[in-house]
């Protein structure tokens, strides 16, 4: 905050616990997602990666009173649509059996 506001900020005990909890749960959630991506089917796990984006926007709205601007909405939409397109395309490619090479 010193770089942003020019003043040092001291957390009160409640805010300190909130920050500590956010860090703890964030690390556990990201670690769990990494394990799931390594061991699970990508098409099953990927939607949970996009839910993270939705939670971030909702928390920003409810906790911090921030409203997403058009760039945020368009960027989020681009990420979700490109991920959806990739999943649909990979499913189609797996569904179509490959033709044997004839010489």
PDB file of N, CA and C in Angstrom:
ATOM      1  N   UNK A   1       0.821  -1.203   0.000  1.00  0.00           N
ATOM      2  CA  UNK A   1       0.000   0.000   0.000  1.00  0.00           C
ATOM      3  C   UNK A   1       0.855   1.252   0.000  1.00  0.00           C
ATOM      4  N   UNK A   2       2.077   1.127   0.474  1.00  0.00           N
ATOM      5  CA  UNK A   2       2.964   2.278   0.533  1.00  0.00           C
ATOM      6  C   UNK A   2       3.224   2.842  -0.864  1.00  0.00           C
ATOM      7  N   UNK A   3       3.423   1.966  -1.825  1.00  0.00           N
ATOM      8  CA  UNK A   3       3.653   2.427  -3.197  1.00  0.00           C
ATOM      9  C   UNK A   3       2.397   3.036  -3.809  1.00  0.00           C
ATOM     10  N   UNK A   4       1.242   2.509  -3.449  1.00  0.00           N
ATOM     11  CA  UNK A   4      -0.016   2.965  -4.043  1.00  0.00           C
ATOM     12  C   UNK A   4      -0.526   4.264  -3.423  1.00  0.00           C
ATOM     13  N   UNK A   5      -0.520   4.326  -2.105  1.00  0.00           N
ATOM     14  CA  UNK A   5      -1.101   5.491  -1.426  1.00  0.00           C
ATOM     15  C   UNK A   5      -0.059   6.480  -0.915  1.00  0.00           C
ATOM     16  N   UNK A   6       1.178   6.035  -0.771  1.00  0.00           N
ATOM     17  CA  UNK A   6       2.199   6.905  -0.213  1.00  0.00           C
ATOM     18  C   UNK A   6       2.236   6.876   1.296  1.00  0.00           C
ATOM     19  N   UNK A   7       1.352   6.082   1.900  1.00  0.00           N
ATOM     20  CA  UNK A   7       1.308   5.965   3.358  1.00  0.00           C
ATOM     21  C   UNK A   7       1.415   4.495   3.736  1.00  0.00           C
ATOM     22  N   UNK A   8       2.004   4.234   4.880  1.00  0.00           N
ATOM     23  CA  UNK A   8       2.024   2.855   5.361  1.00  0.00           C
ATOM     24  C   UNK A   8       0.672   2.539   6.000  1.00  0.00           C
ATOM     25  N   UNK A   9       0.273   1.310   5.856  1.00  0.00           N
ATOM     26  CA  UNK A   9      -1.017   0.875   6.386  1.00  0.00           C
ATOM     27  C   UNK A   9      -0.778  -0.289   7.334  1.00  0.00           C
ATOM     28  N   UNK A  10      -1.375  -0.204   8.514  1.00  0.00           N
ATOM     29  CA  UNK A  10      -1.250  -1.285   9.478  1.00  0.00           C
ATOM     30  C   UNK A  10      -2.599  -1.991   9.563  1.00  0.00           C
ATOM     31  N   UNK A  11      -2.560  -3.318   9.413  1.00  0.00           N
ATOM     32  CA  UNK A  11      -3.798  -4.092   9.470  1.00  0.00           C
ATOM     33  C   UNK A  11      -4.270  -4.232  10.904  1.00  0.00           C
ATOM     34  N   UNK A  12      -5.578  -4.123  11.097  1.00  0.00           N
ATOM     35  CA  UNK A  12      -6.130  -4.435  12.410  1.00  0.00           C
ATOM     36  C   UNK A  12      -6.234  -5.959  12.513  1.00  0.00           C
ATOM     37  N   UNK A  13      -6.459  -6.509  13.697  1.00  0.00           N
ATOM     38  CA  UNK A  13      -6.476  -7.968  13.858  1.00  0.00           C
ATOM     39  C   UNK A  13      -7.500  -8.677  12.959  1.00  0.00           C
ATOM     40  N   UNK A  14      -8.656  -8.107  12.789  1.00  0.00           N
ATOM     41  CA  UNK A  14      -9.681  -8.743  11.942  1.00  0.00           C
ATOM     42  C   UNK A  14      -9.230  -8.779  10.489  1.00  0.00           C
ATOM     43  N   UNK A  15      -8.716  -7.670   9.985  1.00  0.00           N
ATOM     44  CA  UNK A  15      -8.236  -7.636   8.605  1.00  0.00           C
ATOM     45  C   UNK A  15      -7.042  -8.565   8.423  1.00  0.00           C
ATOM     46  N   UNK A  16      -6.183  -8.656   9.425  1.00  0.00           N
ATOM     47  CA  UNK A  16      -5.047  -9.577   9.369  1.00  0.00           C
ATOM     48  C   UNK A  16      -5.498 -11.023   9.261  1.00  0.00           C
ATOM     49  N   UNK A  17      -6.522 -11.395  10.031  1.00  0.00           N
ATOM     50  CA  UNK A  17      -7.071 -12.749   9.951  1.00  0.00           C
ATOM     51  C   UNK A  17      -7.732 -12.994   8.591  1.00  0.00           C
ATOM     52  N   UNK A  18      -8.400 -11.983   8.061  1.00  0.00           N
ATOM     53  CA  UNK A  18      -9.023 -12.134   6.747  1.00  0.00           C
ATOM     54  C   UNK A  18      -7.976 -12.346   5.655  1.00  0.00           C
ATOM     55  N   UNK A  19      -6.921 -11.589   5.692  1.00  0.00           N
ATOM     56  CA  UNK A  19      -5.851 -11.742   4.707  1.00  0.00           C
ATOM     57  C   UNK A  19      -5.181 -13.111   4.866  1.00  0.00           C
ATOM     58  N   UNK A  20      -4.909 -13.515   6.100  1.00  0.00           N
ATOM     59  CA  UNK A  20      -4.305 -14.822   6.351  1.00  0.00           C
ATOM     60  C   UNK A  20      -5.216 -15.945   5.864  1.00  0.00           C
ATOM     61  N   UNK A  21      -6.502 -15.831   6.140  1.00  0.00           N
ATOM     62  CA  UNK A  21      -7.460 -16.838   5.668  1.00  0.00           C
ATOM     63  C   UNK A  21      -7.534 -16.893   4.152  1.00  0.00           C
ATOM     64  N   UNK A  22      -7.519 -15.730   3.518  1.00  0.00           N
ATOM     65  CA  UNK A  22      -7.565 -15.688   2.055  1.00  0.00           C
ATOM     66  C   UNK A  22      -6.327 -16.347   1.457  1.00  0.00           C
ATOM     67  N   UNK A  23      -5.181 -16.080   2.040  1.00  0.00           N
ATOM     68  CA  UNK A  23      -3.941 -16.697   1.559  1.00  0.00           C
ATOM     69  C   UNK A  23      -3.992 -18.207   1.758  1.00  0.00           C
ATOM     70  N   UNK A  24      -4.382 -18.645   2.934  1.00  0.00           N
ATOM     71  CA  UNK A  24      -4.429 -20.070   3.253  1.00  0.00           C
ATOM     72  C   UNK A  24      -5.390 -20.820   2.332  1.00  0.00           C
ATOM     73  N   UNK A  25      -6.616 -20.329   2.225  1.00  0.00           N
ATOM     74  CA  UNK A  25      -7.599 -21.002   1.374  1.00  0.00           C
ATOM     75  C   UNK A  25      -7.234 -20.901  -0.104  1.00  0.00           C
ATOM     76  N   UNK A  26      -6.623 -19.800  -0.499  1.00  0.00           N
ATOM     77  CA  UNK A  26      -6.202 -19.655  -1.891  1.00  0.00           C
ATOM     78  C   UNK A  26      -5.126 -20.657  -2.267  1.00  0.00           C
ATOM     79  N   UNK A  27      -4.157 -20.837  -1.382  1.00  0.00           N
ATOM     80  CA  UNK A  27      -3.083 -21.799  -1.643  1.00  0.00           C
ATOM     81  C   UNK A  27      -3.632 -23.220  -1.670  1.00  0.00           C
ATOM     82  N   UNK A  28      -4.485 -23.569  -0.727  1.00  0.00           N
ATOM     83  CA  UNK A  28      -5.080 -24.913  -0.696  1.00  0.00           C
ATOM     84  C   UNK A  28      -5.915 -25.161  -1.948  1.00  0.00           C
ATOM     85  N   UNK A  29      -6.710 -24.187  -2.350  1.00  0.00           N
ATOM     86  CA  UNK A  29      -7.559 -24.345  -3.528  1.00  0.00           C
ATOM     87  C   UNK A  29      -6.721 -24.490  -4.796  1.00  0.00           C
ATOM     88  N   UNK A  30      -5.684 -23.693  -4.928  1.00  0.00           N
ATOM     89  CA  UNK A  30      -4.849 -23.777  -6.130  1.00  0.00           C
ATOM     90  C   UNK A  30      -4.082 -25.086  -6.171  1.00  0.00           C
ATOM     91  N   UNK A  31      -3.595 -25.538  -5.029  1.00  0.00           N
ATOM     92  CA  UNK A  31      -2.897 -26.823  -4.959  1.00  0.00           C
ATOM     93  C   UNK A  31      -3.848 -27.967  -5.329  1.00  0.00           C
ATOM     94  N   UNK A  32      -5.068 -27.916  -4.816  1.00  0.00           N
ATOM     95  CA  UNK A  32      -6.063 -28.942  -5.141  1.00  0.00           C
ATOM     96  C   UNK A  32      -6.393 -28.943  -6.627  1.00  0.00           C
ATOM     97  N   UNK A  33      -6.517 -27.780  -7.207  1.00  0.00           N
ATOM     98  CA  UNK A  33      -6.794 -27.680  -8.630  1.00  0.00           C
ATOM     99  C   UNK A  33      -5.636 -28.218  -9.469  1.00  0.00           C
ATOM    100  N   UNK A  34      -4.412 -27.973  -9.025  1.00  0.00           N
ATOM    101  CA  UNK A  34      -3.240 -28.490  -9.727  1.00  0.00           C
ATOM    102  C   UNK A  34      -3.210 -30.011  -9.685  1.00  0.00           C
ATOM    103  N   UNK A  35      -3.499 -30.593  -8.530  1.00  0.00           N
ATOM    104  CA  UNK A  35      -3.549 -32.055  -8.410  1.00  0.00           C
ATOM    105  C   UNK A  35      -4.651 -32.623  -9.296  1.00  0.00           C
ATOM    106  N   UNK A  36      -5.803 -31.974  -9.310  1.00  0.00           N
ATOM    107  CA  UNK A  36      -6.912 -32.446 -10.144  1.00  0.00           C
ATOM    108  C   UNK A  36      -6.556 -32.387 -11.627  1.00  0.00           C
ATOM    109  N   UNK A  37      -5.876 -31.323 -12.056  1.00  0.00           N
ATOM    110  CA  UNK A  37      -5.484 -31.210 -13.460  1.00  0.00           C
ATOM    111  C   UNK A  37      -4.470 -32.285 -13.837  1.00  0.00           C
ATOM    112  N   UNK A  38      -3.612 -32.658 -12.911  1.00  0.00           N
ATOM    113  CA  UNK A  38      -2.604 -33.680 -13.199  1.00  0.00           C
ATOM    114  C   UNK A  38      -3.198 -35.073 -13.244  1.00  0.00           C
ATOM    115  N   UNK A  39      -4.200 -35.338 -12.430  1.00  0.00           N
ATOM    116  CA  UNK A  39      -4.710 -36.709 -12.322  1.00  0.00           C
ATOM    117  C   UNK A  39      -6.067 -36.923 -12.978  1.00  0.00           C
ATOM    118  N   UNK A  40      -6.815 -35.874 -13.236  1.00  0.00           N
ATOM    119  CA  UNK A  40      -8.162 -36.035 -13.767  1.00  0.00           C
ATOM    120  C   UNK A  40      -8.253 -35.754 -15.250  1.00  0.00           C
ATOM    121  N   UNK A  41      -9.420 -36.009 -15.780  1.00  0.00           N
ATOM    122  CA  UNK A  41      -9.716 -35.708 -17.181  1.00  0.00           C
ATOM    123  C   UNK A  41      -9.852 -34.194 -17.329  1.00  0.00           C
ATOM    124  N   UNK A  42      -9.151 -33.642 -18.291  1.00  0.00           N
ATOM    125  CA  UNK A  42      -9.115 -32.185 -18.466  1.00  0.00           C
ATOM    126  C   UNK A  42     -10.513 -31.631 -18.719  1.00  0.00           C
ATOM    127  N   UNK A  43     -11.324 -32.337 -19.487  1.00  0.00           N
ATOM    128  CA  UNK A  43     -12.664 -31.840 -19.804  1.00  0.00           C
ATOM    129  C   UNK A  43     -13.563 -31.790 -18.569  1.00  0.00           C
ATOM    130  N   UNK A  44     -13.248 -32.564 -17.550  1.00  0.00           N
ATOM    131  CA  UNK A  44     -14.028 -32.540 -16.309  1.00  0.00           C
ATOM    132  C   UNK A  44     -13.521 -31.447 -15.386  1.00  0.00           C
ATOM    133  N   UNK A  45     -12.216 -31.253 -15.334  1.00  0.00           N
ATOM    134  CA  UNK A  45     -11.614 -30.320 -14.382  1.00  0.00           C
ATOM    135  C   UNK A  45     -11.650 -28.879 -14.883  1.00  0.00           C
ATOM    136  N   UNK A  46     -11.556 -28.674 -16.179  1.00  0.00           N
ATOM    137  CA  UNK A  46     -11.463 -27.310 -16.727  1.00  0.00           C
ATOM    138  C   UNK A  46     -12.590 -26.372 -16.324  1.00  0.00           C
ATOM    139  N   UNK A  47     -13.841 -26.824 -16.291  1.00  0.00           N
ATOM    140  CA  UNK A  47     -14.891 -25.873 -15.865  1.00  0.00           C
ATOM    141  C   UNK A  47     -14.647 -25.270 -14.489  1.00  0.00           C
ATOM    142  N   UNK A  48     -13.978 -25.990 -13.601  1.00  0.00           N
ATOM    143  CA  UNK A  48     -13.703 -25.453 -12.273  1.00  0.00           C
ATOM    144  C   UNK A  48     -12.698 -24.310 -12.338  1.00  0.00           C
ATOM    145  N   UNK A  49     -11.834 -24.315 -13.343  1.00  0.00           N
ATOM    146  CA  UNK A  49     -10.890 -23.212 -13.509  1.00  0.00           C
ATOM    147  C   UNK A  49     -11.639 -21.932 -13.888  1.00  0.00           C
ATOM    148  N   UNK A  50     -12.707 -22.079 -14.655  1.00  0.00           N
ATOM    149  CA  UNK A  50     -13.474 -20.907 -15.075  1.00  0.00           C
ATOM    150  C   UNK A  50     -14.399 -20.412 -13.972  1.00  0.00           C
ATOM    151  N   UNK A  51     -14.825 -21.308 -13.088  1.00  0.00           N
ATOM    152  CA  UNK A  51     -15.651 -20.898 -11.953  1.00  0.00           C
ATOM    153  C   UNK A  51     -14.860 -19.957 -11.054  1.00  0.00           C
ATOM    154  N   UNK A  52     -13.545 -20.145 -11.010  1.00  0.00           N
ATOM    155  CA  UNK A  52     -12.675 -19.264 -10.239  1.00  0.00           C
ATOM    156  C   UNK A  52     -12.835 -17.808 -10.672  1.00  0.00           C
ATOM    157  N   UNK A  53     -12.936 -17.607 -11.958  1.00  0.00           N
ATOM    158  CA  UNK A  53     -13.108 -16.267 -12.511  1.00  0.00           C
ATOM    159  C   UNK A  53     -14.436 -15.664 -12.047  1.00  0.00           C
ATOM    160  N   UNK A  54     -15.485 -16.468 -12.074  1.00  0.00           N
ATOM    161  CA  UNK A  54     -16.794 -16.011 -11.620  1.00  0.00           C
ATOM    162  C   UNK A  54     -16.770 -15.645 -10.138  1.00  0.00           C
ATOM    163  N   UNK A  55     -16.128 -16.491  -9.319  1.00  0.00           N
ATOM    164  CA  UNK A  55     -16.024 -16.197  -7.894  1.00  0.00           C
ATOM    165  C   UNK A  55     -15.249 -14.910  -7.655  1.00  0.00           C
ATOM    166  N   UNK A  56     -14.199 -14.686  -8.406  1.00  0.00           N
ATOM    167  CA  UNK A  56     -13.407 -13.466  -8.233  1.00  0.00           C
ATOM    168  C   UNK A  56     -14.245 -12.227  -8.524  1.00  0.00           C
ATOM    169  N   UNK A  57     -15.064 -12.287  -9.568  1.00  0.00           N
ATOM    170  CA  UNK A  57     -15.923 -11.143  -9.901  1.00  0.00           C
ATOM    171  C   UNK A  57     -16.982 -10.926  -8.821  1.00  0.00           C
ATOM    172  N   UNK A  58     -17.597 -12.011  -8.344  1.00  0.00           N
ATOM    173  CA  UNK A  58     -18.633 -11.896  -7.314  1.00  0.00           C
ATOM    174  C   UNK A  58     -18.040 -11.377  -6.002  1.00  0.00           C
ATOM    175  N   UNK A  59     -16.879 -11.887  -5.618  1.00  0.00           N
ATOM    176  CA  UNK A  59     -16.235 -11.401  -4.393  1.00  0.00           C
ATOM    177  C   UNK A  59     -15.861  -9.931  -4.538  1.00  0.00           C
ATOM    178  N   UNK A  60     -15.372  -9.556  -5.717  1.00  0.00           N
ATOM    179  CA  UNK A  60     -15.064  -8.147  -5.960  1.00  0.00           C
ATOM    180  C   UNK A  60     -16.285  -7.266  -5.795  1.00  0.00           C
ATOM    181  N   UNK A  61     -17.427  -7.754  -6.282  1.00  0.00           N
ATOM    182  CA  UNK A  61     -18.674  -6.990  -6.150  1.00  0.00           C
ATOM    183  C   UNK A  61     -19.141  -6.907  -4.694  1.00  0.00           C
ATOM    184  N   UNK A  62     -19.227  -8.062  -4.044  1.00  0.00           N
ATOM    185  CA  UNK A  62     -19.825  -8.112  -2.707  1.00  0.00           C
ATOM    186  C   UNK A  62     -18.900  -7.613  -1.595  1.00  0.00           C
ATOM    187  N   UNK A  63     -17.629  -7.985  -1.657  1.00  0.00           N
ATOM    188  CA  UNK A  63     -16.717  -7.650  -0.560  1.00  0.00           C
ATOM    189  C   UNK A  63     -16.091  -6.272  -0.745  1.00  0.00           C
ATOM    190  N   UNK A  64     -15.646  -5.991  -1.976  1.00  0.00           N
ATOM    191  CA  UNK A  64     -14.908  -4.754  -2.201  1.00  0.00           C
ATOM    192  C   UNK A  64     -15.736  -3.654  -2.859  1.00  0.00           C
ATOM    193  N   UNK A  65     -16.956  -3.965  -3.263  1.00  0.00           N
ATOM    194  CA  UNK A  65     -17.814  -2.962  -3.889  1.00  0.00           C
ATOM    195  C   UNK A  65     -17.343  -2.530  -5.265  1.00  0.00           C
ATOM    196  N   UNK A  66     -16.577  -3.381  -5.938  1.00  0.00           N
ATOM    197  CA  UNK A  66     -16.073  -3.055  -7.270  1.00  0.00           C
ATOM    198  C   UNK A  66     -17.037  -3.563  -8.334  1.00  0.00           C
ATOM    199  N   UNK A  67     -17.210  -2.775  -9.348  1.00  0.00           N
ATOM    200  CA  UNK A  67     -17.996  -3.244 -10.484  1.00  0.00           C
ATOM    201  C   UNK A  67     -17.040  -3.453 -11.658  1.00  0.00           C
ATOM    202  N   UNK A  68     -17.165  -4.606 -12.321  1.00  0.00           N
ATOM    203  CA  UNK A  68     -16.257  -4.879 -13.438  1.00  0.00           C
ATOM    204  C   UNK A  68     -16.527  -3.925 -14.601  1.00  0.00           C
ATOM    205  N   UNK A  69     -15.457  -3.439 -15.204  1.00  0.00           N
ATOM    206  CA  UNK A  69     -15.616  -2.571 -16.361  1.00  0.00           C
ATOM    207  C   UNK A  69     -15.754  -3.428 -17.623  1.00  0.00           C
ATOM    208  N   UNK A  70     -15.946  -2.780 -18.749  1.00  0.00           N
ATOM    209  CA  UNK A  70     -16.177  -3.500 -20.000  1.00  0.00           C
ATOM    210  C   UNK A  70     -14.969  -4.335 -20.401  1.00  0.00           C
ATOM    211  N   UNK A  71     -13.762  -3.849 -20.142  1.00  0.00           N
ATOM    212  CA  UNK A  71     -12.563  -4.621 -20.480  1.00  0.00           C
ATOM    213  C   UNK A  71     -12.510  -5.924 -19.680  1.00  0.00           C
ATOM    214  N   UNK A  72     -12.887  -5.868 -18.409  1.00  0.00           N
ATOM    215  CA  UNK A  72     -12.905  -7.064 -17.578  1.00  0.00           C
ATOM    216  C   UNK A  72     -13.939  -8.059 -18.076  1.00  0.00           C
ATOM    217  N   UNK A  73     -15.115  -7.576 -18.392  1.00  0.00           N
ATOM    218  CA  UNK A  73     -16.182  -8.450 -18.876  1.00  0.00           C
ATOM    219  C   UNK A  73     -15.798  -9.083 -20.210  1.00  0.00           C
ATOM    220  N   UNK A  74     -15.277  -8.279 -21.135  1.00  0.00           N
ATOM    221  CA  UNK A  74     -14.888  -8.819 -22.438  1.00  0.00           C
ATOM    222  C   UNK A  74     -13.716  -9.793 -22.321  1.00  0.00           C
ATOM    223  N   UNK A  75     -12.743  -9.478 -21.486  1.00  0.00           N
ATOM    224  CA  UNK A  75     -11.610 -10.377 -21.281  1.00  0.00           C
ATOM    225  C   UNK A  75     -12.041 -11.693 -20.666  1.00  0.00           C
ATOM    226  N   UNK A  76     -12.930 -11.631 -19.677  1.00  0.00           N
ATOM    227  CA  UNK A  76     -13.445 -12.850 -19.050  1.00  0.00           C
ATOM    228  C   UNK A  76     -14.219 -13.684 -20.056  1.00  0.00           C
ATOM    229  N   UNK A  77     -15.031 -13.032 -20.842  1.00  0.00           N
ATOM    230  CA  UNK A  77     -15.806 -13.729 -21.861  1.00  0.00           C
ATOM    231  C   UNK A  77     -14.891 -14.391 -22.886  1.00  0.00           C
ATOM    232  N   UNK A  78     -13.845 -13.705 -23.282  1.00  0.00           N
ATOM    233  CA  UNK A  78     -12.886 -14.269 -24.231  1.00  0.00           C
ATOM    234  C   UNK A  78     -12.204 -15.508 -23.661  1.00  0.00           C
ATOM    235  N   UNK A  79     -11.807 -15.453 -22.407  1.00  0.00           N
ATOM    236  CA  UNK A  79     -11.158 -16.598 -21.763  1.00  0.00           C
ATOM    237  C   UNK A  79     -12.100 -17.794 -21.691  1.00  0.00           C
ATOM    238  N   UNK A  80     -13.332 -17.575 -21.246  1.00  0.00           N
ATOM    239  CA  UNK A  80     -14.286 -18.668 -21.101  1.00  0.00           C
ATOM    240  C   UNK A  80     -14.663 -19.248 -22.463  1.00  0.00           C
ATOM    241  N   UNK A  81     -14.906 -18.399 -23.445  1.00  0.00           N
ATOM    242  CA  UNK A  81     -15.287 -18.896 -24.775  1.00  0.00           C
ATOM    243  C   UNK A  81     -14.144 -19.652 -25.450  1.00  0.00           C
ATOM    244  N   UNK A  82     -12.921 -19.170 -25.310  1.00  0.00           N
ATOM    245  CA  UNK A  82     -11.797 -19.882 -25.924  1.00  0.00           C
ATOM    246  C   UNK A  82     -11.566 -21.231 -25.243  1.00  0.00           C
ATOM    247  N   UNK A  83     -11.723 -21.280 -23.943  1.00  0.00           N
ATOM    248  CA  UNK A  83     -11.618 -22.563 -23.235  1.00  0.00           C
ATOM    249  C   UNK A  83     -12.725 -23.518 -23.638  1.00  0.00           C
ATOM    250  N   UNK A  84     -13.941 -23.007 -23.773  1.00  0.00           N
ATOM    251  CA  UNK A  84     -15.058 -23.841 -24.222  1.00  0.00           C
ATOM    252  C   UNK A  84     -14.854 -24.360 -25.631  1.00  0.00           C
ATOM    253  N   UNK A  85     -14.358 -23.507 -26.500  1.00  0.00           N
ATOM    254  CA  UNK A  85     -14.087 -23.924 -27.874  1.00  0.00           C
ATOM    255  C   UNK A  85     -13.024 -25.026 -27.901  1.00  0.00           C
ATOM    256  N   UNK A  86     -11.989 -24.869 -27.095  1.00  0.00           N
ATOM    257  CA  UNK A  86     -10.926 -25.879 -27.046  1.00  0.00           C
ATOM    258  C   UNK A  86     -11.467 -27.217 -26.563  1.00  0.00           C
ATOM    259  N   UNK A  87     -12.309 -27.192 -25.533  1.00  0.00           N
ATOM    260  CA  UNK A  87     -12.880 -28.440 -25.026  1.00  0.00           C
ATOM    261  C   UNK A  87     -13.790 -29.098 -26.049  1.00  0.00           C
ATOM    262  N   UNK A  88     -14.633 -28.317 -26.709  1.00  0.00           N
ATOM    263  CA  UNK A  88     -15.540 -28.878 -27.712  1.00  0.00           C
ATOM    264  C   UNK A  88     -14.741 -29.459 -28.876  1.00  0.00           C
ATOM    265  N   UNK A  89     -13.739 -28.742 -29.297  1.00  0.00           N
ATOM    266  CA  UNK A  89     -12.915 -29.209 -30.422  1.00  0.00           C
ATOM    267  C   UNK A  89     -12.176 -30.495 -30.069  1.00  0.00           C
ATOM    268  N   UNK A  90     -11.640 -30.586 -28.851  1.00  0.00           N
ATOM    269  CA  UNK A  90     -10.919 -31.802 -28.466  1.00  0.00           C
ATOM    270  C   UNK A  90     -11.866 -32.989 -28.347  1.00  0.00           C
ATOM    271  N   UNK A  91     -13.091 -32.759 -27.901  1.00  0.00           N
ATOM    272  CA  UNK A  91     -14.069 -33.849 -27.831  1.00  0.00           C
ATOM    273  C   UNK A  91     -14.445 -34.342 -29.221  1.00  0.00           C
ATOM    274  N   UNK A  92     -14.599 -33.411 -30.148  1.00  0.00           N
ATOM    275  CA  UNK A  92     -14.931 -33.806 -31.519  1.00  0.00           C
ATOM    276  C   UNK A  92     -13.799 -34.602 -32.149  1.00  0.00           C
ATOM    277  N   UNK A  93     -12.579 -34.202 -31.886  1.00  0.00           N
ATOM    278  CA  UNK A  93     -11.437 -34.915 -32.457  1.00  0.00           C
ATOM    279  C   UNK A  93     -11.299 -36.312 -31.879  1.00  0.00           C
ATOM    280  N   UNK A  94     -11.634 -36.485 -30.617  1.00  0.00           N
ATOM    281  CA  UNK A  94     -11.588 -37.822 -30.014  1.00  0.00           C
ATOM    282  C   UNK A  94     -12.722 -38.694 -30.512  1.00  0.00           C
ATOM    283  N   UNK A  95     -13.881 -38.089 -30.831  1.00  0.00           N
ATOM    284  CA  UNK A  95     -15.049 -38.855 -31.262  1.00  0.00           C
ATOM    285  C   UNK A  95     -14.890 -39.404 -32.674  1.00  0.00           C
ATOM    286  N   UNK A  96     -14.151 -38.702 -33.530  1.00  0.00           N
ATOM    287  CA  UNK A  96     -13.959 -39.127 -34.913  1.00  0.00           C
ATOM    288  C   UNK A  96     -12.741 -40.040 -34.971  1.00  0.00           C
ATOM    289  N   UNK A  97     -12.939 -41.314 -35.339  1.00  0.00           N
ATOM    290  CA  UNK A  97     -11.769 -42.199 -35.421  1.00  0.00           C
ATOM    291  C   UNK A  97     -10.850 -41.771 -36.555  1.00  0.00           C
ATOM    292  N   UNK A  98      -9.570 -41.898 -36.317  1.00  0.00           N
ATOM    293  CA  UNK A  98      -8.608 -41.502 -37.342  1.00  0.00           C
ATOM    294  C   UNK A  98      -8.591 -42.538 -38.454  1.00  0.00           C
ATOM    295  N   UNK A  99      -8.395 -42.081 -39.673  1.00  0.00           N
ATOM    296  CA  UNK A  99      -8.349 -42.975 -40.821  1.00  0.00           C
ATOM    297  C   UNK A  99      -6.957 -43.583 -40.925  1.00  0.00           C
ATOM    298  N   UNK A 100      -6.888 -44.882 -41.214  1.00  0.00           N
ATOM    299  CA  UNK A 100      -5.564 -45.479 -41.360  1.00  0.00           C
ATOM    300  C   UNK A 100      -4.878 -44.966 -42.616  1.00  0.00           C
ATOM    301  N   UNK A 101      -3.570 -44.840 -42.541  1.00  0.00           N
ATOM    302  CA  UNK A 101      -2.802 -44.375 -43.704  1.00  0.00           C
ATOM    303  C   UNK A 101      -2.716 -45.512 -44.735  1.00  0.00           C
ATOM    304  N   UNK A 102      -3.028 -45.190 -45.965  1.00  0.00           N
ATOM    305  CA  UNK A 102      -2.921 -46.151 -47.063  1.00  0.00           C
ATOM    306  C   UNK A 102      -1.812 -45.713 -47.995  1.00  0.00           C
ATOM    307  N   UNK A 103      -0.988 -46.632 -48.330  1.00  0.00           N
ATOM    308  CA  UNK A 103       0.127 -46.304 -49.217  1.00  0.00           C
ATOM    309  C   UNK A 103      -0.015 -47.018 -50.534  1.00  0.00           C
TER     310      UNK A 103
END
